Amino acid sequence: MNEILKEKRRKKGLSGKQMAKKLGISSPFYGQIENGQRRLSYDMAVRIALLLNTKPDKLFFDQYVSLINKEK
């Protein structure tokens, strides 16, 4: 689960449904991103980060390092 992403979204006053709409994706798809169930493209990571006024690494880097280490 990406707690950093969820926290930033909430601080911005956005629901998951609102984020999905702004990104042009379905609510379930966004929920899977936030819950760490779906990998996303760099383009999508940048789009999410821009909506939250941050950088993709601040949102996703630690989560993906953990995922890569589990796959080894």
PDB file of N, CA and C in Angstrom:
ATOM      1  N   MET A   1       0.842  -1.178   0.000  1.00  0.00           N
ATOM      2  CA  MET A   1       0.000   0.000   0.000  1.00  0.00           C
ATOM      3  C   MET A   1       0.886   1.241   0.000  1.00  0.00           C
ATOM      4  N   ASN A   2       0.508   2.221  -0.768  1.00  0.00           N
ATOM      5  CA  ASN A   2       1.298   3.444  -0.861  1.00  0.00           C
ATOM      6  C   ASN A   2       0.697   4.503   0.061  1.00  0.00           C
ATOM      7  N   GLU A   3       1.152   4.489   1.307  1.00  0.00           N
ATOM      8  CA  GLU A   3       0.647   5.429   2.311  1.00  0.00           C
ATOM      9  C   GLU A   3       1.014   6.871   1.969  1.00  0.00           C
ATOM     10  N   ILE A   4       2.176   7.074   1.369  1.00  0.00           N
ATOM     11  CA  ILE A   4       2.602   8.427   1.017  1.00  0.00           C
ATOM     12  C   ILE A   4       1.655   9.017  -0.017  1.00  0.00           C
ATOM     13  N   LEU A   5       1.324   8.240  -1.029  1.00  0.00           N
ATOM     14  CA  LEU A   5       0.404   8.695  -2.063  1.00  0.00           C
ATOM     15  C   LEU A   5      -0.953   9.027  -1.459  1.00  0.00           C
ATOM     16  N   LYS A   6      -1.460   8.140  -0.641  1.00  0.00           N
ATOM     17  CA  LYS A   6      -2.766   8.342  -0.014  1.00  0.00           C
ATOM     18  C   LYS A   6      -2.758   9.594   0.868  1.00  0.00           C
ATOM     19  N   GLU A   7      -1.705   9.768   1.636  1.00  0.00           N
ATOM     20  CA  GLU A   7      -1.596  10.927   2.522  1.00  0.00           C
ATOM     21  C   GLU A   7      -1.553  12.238   1.727  1.00  0.00           C
ATOM     22  N   LYS A   8      -0.734  12.268   0.669  1.00  0.00           N
ATOM     23  CA  LYS A   8      -0.633  13.480  -0.166  1.00  0.00           C
ATOM     24  C   LYS A   8      -1.979  13.799  -0.810  1.00  0.00           C
ATOM     25  N   ARG A   9      -2.664  12.772  -1.305  1.00  0.00           N
ATOM     26  CA  ARG A   9      -3.972  12.969  -1.925  1.00  0.00           C
ATOM     27  C   ARG A   9      -4.957  13.559  -0.934  1.00  0.00           C
ATOM     28  N   ARG A  10      -4.991  13.015   0.254  1.00  0.00           N
ATOM     29  CA  ARG A  10      -5.916  13.495   1.286  1.00  0.00           C
ATOM     30  C   ARG A  10      -5.586  14.924   1.700  1.00  0.00           C
ATOM     31  N   LYS A  11      -4.302  15.228   1.842  1.00  0.00           N
ATOM     32  CA  LYS A  11      -3.901  16.600   2.199  1.00  0.00           C
ATOM     33  C   LYS A  11      -4.327  17.600   1.137  1.00  0.00           C
ATOM     34  N   LYS A  12      -4.386  17.141  -0.098  1.00  0.00           N
ATOM     35  CA  LYS A  12      -4.808  17.983  -1.215  1.00  0.00           C
ATOM     36  C   LYS A  12      -6.333  18.107  -1.254  1.00  0.00           C
ATOM     37  N   GLY A  13      -7.023  17.328  -0.409  1.00  0.00           N
ATOM     38  CA  GLY A  13      -8.481  17.383  -0.339  1.00  0.00           C
ATOM     39  C   GLY A  13      -9.175  16.654  -1.471  1.00  0.00           C
ATOM     40  N   LEU A  14      -8.504  15.651  -2.027  1.00  0.00           N
ATOM     41  CA  LEU A  14      -9.060  14.906  -3.153  1.00  0.00           C
ATOM     42  C   LEU A  14      -9.428  13.487  -2.741  1.00  0.00           C
ATOM     43  N   SER A  15     -10.526  13.015  -3.278  1.00  0.00           N
ATOM     44  CA  SER A  15     -10.899  11.608  -3.083  1.00  0.00           C
ATOM     45  C   SER A  15     -10.208  10.779  -4.166  1.00  0.00           C
ATOM     46  N   GLY A  16     -10.224   9.485  -3.980  1.00  0.00           N
ATOM     47  CA  GLY A  16      -9.675   8.607  -5.005  1.00  0.00           C
ATOM     48  C   GLY A  16     -10.428   8.760  -6.318  1.00  0.00           C
ATOM     49  N   LYS A  17     -11.744   8.933  -6.225  1.00  0.00           N
ATOM     50  CA  LYS A  17     -12.577   9.103  -7.417  1.00  0.00           C
ATOM     51  C   LYS A  17     -12.209  10.397  -8.151  1.00  0.00           C
ATOM     52  N   GLN A  18     -11.964  11.464  -7.409  1.00  0.00           N
ATOM     53  CA  GLN A  18     -11.563  12.735  -8.027  1.00  0.00           C
ATOM     54  C   GLN A  18     -10.200  12.614  -8.708  1.00  0.00           C
ATOM     55  N   MET A  19      -9.280  11.916  -8.059  1.00  0.00           N
ATOM     56  CA  MET A  19      -7.953  11.703  -8.666  1.00  0.00           C
ATOM     57  C   MET A  19      -8.096  10.944  -9.972  1.00  0.00           C
ATOM     58  N   ALA A  20      -8.887   9.887  -9.939  1.00  0.00           N
ATOM     59  CA  ALA A  20      -9.090   9.073 -11.135  1.00  0.00           C
ATOM     60  C   ALA A  20      -9.655   9.922 -12.273  1.00  0.00           C
ATOM     61  N   LYS A  21     -10.632  10.738 -11.956  1.00  0.00           N
ATOM     62  CA  LYS A  21     -11.245  11.586 -12.982  1.00  0.00           C
ATOM     63  C   LYS A  21     -10.225  12.562 -13.571  1.00  0.00           C
ATOM     64  N   LYS A  22      -9.421  13.193 -12.723  1.00  0.00           N
ATOM     65  CA  LYS A  22      -8.403  14.128 -13.198  1.00  0.00           C
ATOM     66  C   LYS A  22      -7.353  13.437 -14.063  1.00  0.00           C
ATOM     67  N   LEU A  23      -7.093  12.161 -13.775  1.00  0.00           N
ATOM     68  CA  LEU A  23      -6.086  11.401 -14.513  1.00  0.00           C
ATOM     69  C   LEU A  23      -6.669  10.726 -15.757  1.00  0.00           C
ATOM     70  N   GLY A  24      -7.980  10.716 -15.868  1.00  0.00           N
ATOM     71  CA  GLY A  24      -8.620  10.077 -17.014  1.00  0.00           C
ATOM     72  C   GLY A  24      -8.597   8.564 -16.947  1.00  0.00           C
ATOM     73  N   ILE A  25      -8.639   8.033 -15.721  1.00  0.00           N
ATOM     74  CA  ILE A  25      -8.652   6.582 -15.523  1.00  0.00           C
ATOM     75  C   ILE A  25      -9.840   6.226 -14.637  1.00  0.00           C
ATOM     76  N   SER A  26     -10.133   4.944 -14.535  1.00  0.00           N
ATOM     77  CA  SER A  26     -11.252   4.517 -13.694  1.00  0.00           C
ATOM     78  C   SER A  26     -10.863   4.576 -12.215  1.00  0.00           C
ATOM     79  N   SER A  27     -11.887   4.689 -11.380  1.00  0.00           N
ATOM     80  CA  SER A  27     -11.648   4.683  -9.928  1.00  0.00           C
ATOM     81  C   SER A  27     -10.997   3.381  -9.458  1.00  0.00           C
ATOM     82  N   PRO A  28     -11.460   2.215  -9.953  1.00  0.00           N
ATOM     83  CA  PRO A  28     -10.797   0.972  -9.532  1.00  0.00           C
ATOM     84  C   PRO A  28      -9.312   0.931  -9.937  1.00  0.00           C
ATOM     85  N   PHE A  29      -9.008   1.435 -11.123  1.00  0.00           N
ATOM     86  CA  PHE A  29      -7.611   1.463 -11.581  1.00  0.00           C
ATOM     87  C   PHE A  29      -6.770   2.335 -10.641  1.00  0.00           C
ATOM     88  N   TYR A  30      -7.285   3.516 -10.301  1.00  0.00           N
ATOM     89  CA  TYR A  30      -6.547   4.382  -9.379  1.00  0.00           C
ATOM     90  C   TYR A  30      -6.398   3.712  -8.014  1.00  0.00           C
ATOM     91  N   GLY A  31      -7.461   3.083  -7.546  1.00  0.00           N
ATOM     92  CA  GLY A  31      -7.395   2.388  -6.256  1.00  0.00           C
ATOM     93  C   GLY A  31      -6.322   1.315  -6.247  1.00  0.00           C
ATOM     94  N   GLN A  32      -6.170   0.621  -7.366  1.00  0.00           N
ATOM     95  CA  GLN A  32      -5.129  -0.407  -7.458  1.00  0.00           C
ATOM     96  C   GLN A  32      -3.736   0.224  -7.415  1.00  0.00           C
ATOM     97  N   ILE A  33      -3.587   1.385  -8.015  1.00  0.00           N
ATOM     98  CA  ILE A  33      -2.297   2.088  -7.946  1.00  0.00           C
ATOM     99  C   ILE A  33      -2.004   2.447  -6.496  1.00  0.00           C
ATOM    100  N   GLU A  34      -2.969   3.041  -5.843  1.00  0.00           N
ATOM    101  CA  GLU A  34      -2.783   3.501  -4.464  1.00  0.00           C
ATOM    102  C   GLU A  34      -2.561   2.331  -3.503  1.00  0.00           C
ATOM    103  N   ASN A  35      -3.153   1.195  -3.807  1.00  0.00           N
ATOM    104  CA  ASN A  35      -3.004   0.025  -2.940  1.00  0.00           C
ATOM    105  C   ASN A  35      -1.818  -0.860  -3.317  1.00  0.00           C
ATOM    106  N   GLY A  36      -1.041  -0.421  -4.299  1.00  0.00           N
ATOM    107  CA  GLY A  36       0.153  -1.167  -4.680  1.00  0.00           C
ATOM    108  C   GLY A  36      -0.131  -2.439  -5.447  1.00  0.00           C
ATOM    109  N   GLN A  37      -1.317  -2.558  -6.022  1.00  0.00           N
ATOM    110  CA  GLN A  37      -1.694  -3.761  -6.755  1.00  0.00           C
ATOM    111  C   GLN A  37      -1.428  -3.645  -8.248  1.00  0.00           C
ATOM    112  N   ARG A  38      -1.041  -2.473  -8.693  1.00  0.00           N
ATOM    113  CA  ARG A  38      -0.826  -2.262 -10.124  1.00  0.00           C
ATOM    114  C   ARG A  38       0.440  -1.442 -10.320  1.00  0.00           C
ATOM    115  N   ARG A  39       1.241  -1.895 -11.269  1.00  0.00           N
ATOM    116  CA  ARG A  39       2.402  -1.103 -11.675  1.00  0.00           C
ATOM    117  C   ARG A  39       1.922  -0.020 -12.618  1.00  0.00           C
ATOM    118  N   LEU A  40       2.619   1.085 -12.626  1.00  0.00           N
ATOM    119  CA  LEU A  40       2.203   2.154 -13.499  1.00  0.00           C
ATOM    120  C   LEU A  40       3.362   2.633 -14.347  1.00  0.00           C
ATOM    121  N   SER A  41       3.010   3.263 -15.443  1.00  0.00           N
ATOM    122  CA  SER A  41       4.029   3.803 -16.339  1.00  0.00           C
ATOM    123  C   SER A  41       4.648   5.038 -15.705  1.00  0.00           C
ATOM    124  N   TYR A  42       5.829   5.392 -16.206  1.00  0.00           N
ATOM    125  CA  TYR A  42       6.474   6.606 -15.707  1.00  0.00           C
ATOM    126  C   TYR A  42       5.603   7.817 -16.022  1.00  0.00           C
ATOM    127  N   ASP A  43       4.974   7.801 -17.179  1.00  0.00           N
ATOM    128  CA  ASP A  43       4.083   8.894 -17.563  1.00  0.00           C
ATOM    129  C   ASP A  43       2.981   9.078 -16.525  1.00  0.00           C
ATOM    130  N   MET A  44       2.364   7.997 -16.104  1.00  0.00           N
ATOM    131  CA  MET A  44       1.295   8.081 -15.111  1.00  0.00           C
ATOM    132  C   MET A  44       1.842   8.530 -13.763  1.00  0.00           C
ATOM    133  N   ALA A  45       3.024   8.062 -13.395  1.00  0.00           N
ATOM    134  CA  ALA A  45       3.643   8.490 -12.139  1.00  0.00           C
ATOM    135  C   ALA A  45       3.874  10.000 -12.147  1.00  0.00           C
ATOM    136  N   VAL A  46       4.324  10.525 -13.271  1.00  0.00           N
ATOM    137  CA  VAL A  46       4.560  11.968 -13.388  1.00  0.00           C
ATOM    138  C   VAL A  46       3.241  12.724 -13.316  1.00  0.00           C
ATOM    139  N   ARG A  47       2.221  12.227 -13.995  1.00  0.00           N
ATOM    140  CA  ARG A  47       0.913  12.895 -13.973  1.00  0.00           C
ATOM    141  C   ARG A  47       0.335  12.948 -12.559  1.00  0.00           C
ATOM    142  N   ILE A  48       0.467  11.848 -11.815  1.00  0.00           N
ATOM    143  CA  ILE A  48      -0.007  11.817 -10.430  1.00  0.00           C
ATOM    144  C   ILE A  48       0.786  12.808  -9.588  1.00  0.00           C
ATOM    145  N   ALA A  49       2.103  12.790  -9.740  1.00  0.00           N
ATOM    146  CA  ALA A  49       2.961  13.688  -8.965  1.00  0.00           C
ATOM    147  C   ALA A  49       2.630  15.151  -9.260  1.00  0.00           C
ATOM    148  N   LEU A  50       2.394  15.484 -10.510  1.00  0.00           N
ATOM    149  CA  LEU A  50       2.054  16.870 -10.859  1.00  0.00           C
ATOM    150  C   LEU A  50       0.756  17.315 -10.180  1.00  0.00           C
ATOM    151  N   LEU A  51      -0.233  16.423 -10.138  1.00  0.00           N
ATOM    152  CA  LEU A  51      -1.492  16.757  -9.458  1.00  0.00           C
ATOM    153  C   LEU A  51      -1.280  17.016  -7.974  1.00  0.00           C
ATOM    154  N   LEU A  52      -0.276  16.354  -7.397  1.00  0.00           N
ATOM    155  CA  LEU A  52      -0.021  16.472  -5.955  1.00  0.00           C
ATOM    156  C   LEU A  52       1.148  17.393  -5.638  1.00  0.00           C
ATOM    157  N   ASN A  53       1.634  18.109  -6.655  1.00  0.00           N
ATOM    158  CA  ASN A  53       2.725  19.076  -6.484  1.00  0.00           C
ATOM    159  C   ASN A  53       3.967  18.463  -5.830  1.00  0.00           C
ATOM    160  N   THR A  54       4.382  17.335  -6.346  1.00  0.00           N
ATOM    161  CA  THR A  54       5.579  16.669  -5.837  1.00  0.00           C
ATOM    162  C   THR A  54       6.280  15.986  -6.996  1.00  0.00           C
ATOM    163  N   LYS A  55       7.274  15.173  -6.680  1.00  0.00           N
ATOM    164  CA  LYS A  55       8.021  14.427  -7.695  1.00  0.00           C
ATOM    165  C   LYS A  55       7.674  12.946  -7.588  1.00  0.00           C
ATOM    166  N   PRO A  56       7.711  12.232  -8.718  1.00  0.00           N
ATOM    167  CA  PRO A  56       7.360  10.808  -8.693  1.00  0.00           C
ATOM    168  C   PRO A  56       8.165   9.994  -7.675  1.00  0.00           C
ATOM    169  N   ASP A  57       9.458  10.273  -7.546  1.00  0.00           N
ATOM    170  CA  ASP A  57      10.277   9.504  -6.601  1.00  0.00           C
ATOM    171  C   ASP A  57       9.771   9.625  -5.168  1.00  0.00           C
ATOM    172  N   LYS A  58       9.267  10.776  -4.798  1.00  0.00           N
ATOM    173  CA  LYS A  58       8.766  10.963  -3.430  1.00  0.00           C
ATOM    174  C   LYS A  58       7.528  10.113  -3.170  1.00  0.00           C
ATOM    175  N   LEU A  59       6.808   9.791  -4.229  1.00  0.00           N
ATOM    176  CA  LEU A  59       5.586   8.995  -4.086  1.00  0.00           C
ATOM    177  C   LEU A  59       5.810   7.498  -4.259  1.00  0.00           C
ATOM    178  N   PHE A  60       6.708   7.131  -5.171  1.00  0.00           N
ATOM    179  CA  PHE A  60       6.757   5.738  -5.600  1.00  0.00           C
ATOM    180  C   PHE A  60       8.089   5.010  -5.412  1.00  0.00           C
ATOM    181  N   PHE A  61       9.186   5.707  -5.206  1.00  0.00           N
ATOM    182  CA  PHE A  61      10.496   5.066  -5.215  1.00  0.00           C
ATOM    183  C   PHE A  61      10.609   3.942  -4.183  1.00  0.00           C
ATOM    184  N   ASP A  62      10.317   4.230  -2.935  1.00  0.00           N
ATOM    185  CA  ASP A  62      10.475   3.213  -1.884  1.00  0.00           C
ATOM    186  C   ASP A  62       9.579   1.998  -2.119  1.00  0.00           C
ATOM    187  N   GLN A  63       8.363   2.240  -2.597  1.00  0.00           N
ATOM    188  CA  GLN A  63       7.436   1.148  -2.873  1.00  0.00           C
ATOM    189  C   GLN A  63       8.002   0.219  -3.949  1.00  0.00           C
ATOM    190  N   TYR A  64       8.578   0.787  -4.998  1.00  0.00           N
ATOM    191  CA  TYR A  64       9.077  -0.040  -6.087  1.00  0.00           C
ATOM    192  C   TYR A  64      10.400  -0.718  -5.753  1.00  0.00           C
ATOM    193  N   VAL A  65      11.202  -0.121  -4.909  1.00  0.00           N
ATOM    194  CA  VAL A  65      12.427  -0.791  -4.458  1.00  0.00           C
ATOM    195  C   VAL A  65      12.032  -2.034  -3.660  1.00  0.00           C
ATOM    196  N   SER A  66      11.047  -1.905  -2.804  1.00  0.00           N
ATOM    197  CA  SER A  66      10.565  -3.053  -2.036  1.00  0.00           C
ATOM    198  C   SER A  66      10.026  -4.151  -2.940  1.00  0.00           C
ATOM    199  N   LEU A  67       9.282  -3.755  -3.954  1.00  0.00           N
ATOM    200  CA  LEU A  67       8.716  -4.706  -4.898  1.00  0.00           C
ATOM    201  C   LEU A  67       9.821  -5.454  -5.657  1.00  0.00           C
ATOM    202  N   ILE A  68      10.817  -4.734  -6.105  1.00  0.00           N
ATOM    203  CA  ILE A  68      11.942  -5.346  -6.828  1.00  0.00           C
ATOM    204  C   ILE A  68      12.694  -6.312  -5.925  1.00  0.00           C
ATOM    205  N   ASN A  69      12.907  -5.932  -4.678  1.00  0.00           N
ATOM    206  CA  ASN A  69      13.624  -6.803  -3.749  1.00  0.00           C
ATOM    207  C   ASN A  69      12.839  -8.081  -3.472  1.00  0.00           C
ATOM    208  N   LYS A  70      11.516  -8.009  -3.449  1.00  0.00           N
ATOM    209  CA  LYS A  70      10.702  -9.199  -3.238  1.00  0.00           C
ATOM    210  C   LYS A  70      10.779 -10.151  -4.424  1.00  0.00           C
ATOM    211  N   GLU A  71      10.977  -9.585  -5.617  1.00  0.00           N
ATOM    212  CA  GLU A  71      11.024 -10.420  -6.837  1.00  0.00           C
ATOM    213  C   GLU A  71      12.354 -11.153  -6.987  1.00  0.00           C
ATOM    214  N   LYS A  72      13.361 -10.743  -6.261  1.00  0.00           N
ATOM    215  CA  LYS A  72      14.687 -11.379  -6.393  1.00  0.00           C
ATOM    216  C   LYS A  72      14.718 -12.740  -5.760  1.00  0.00           C
TER     217      LYS A  72
END
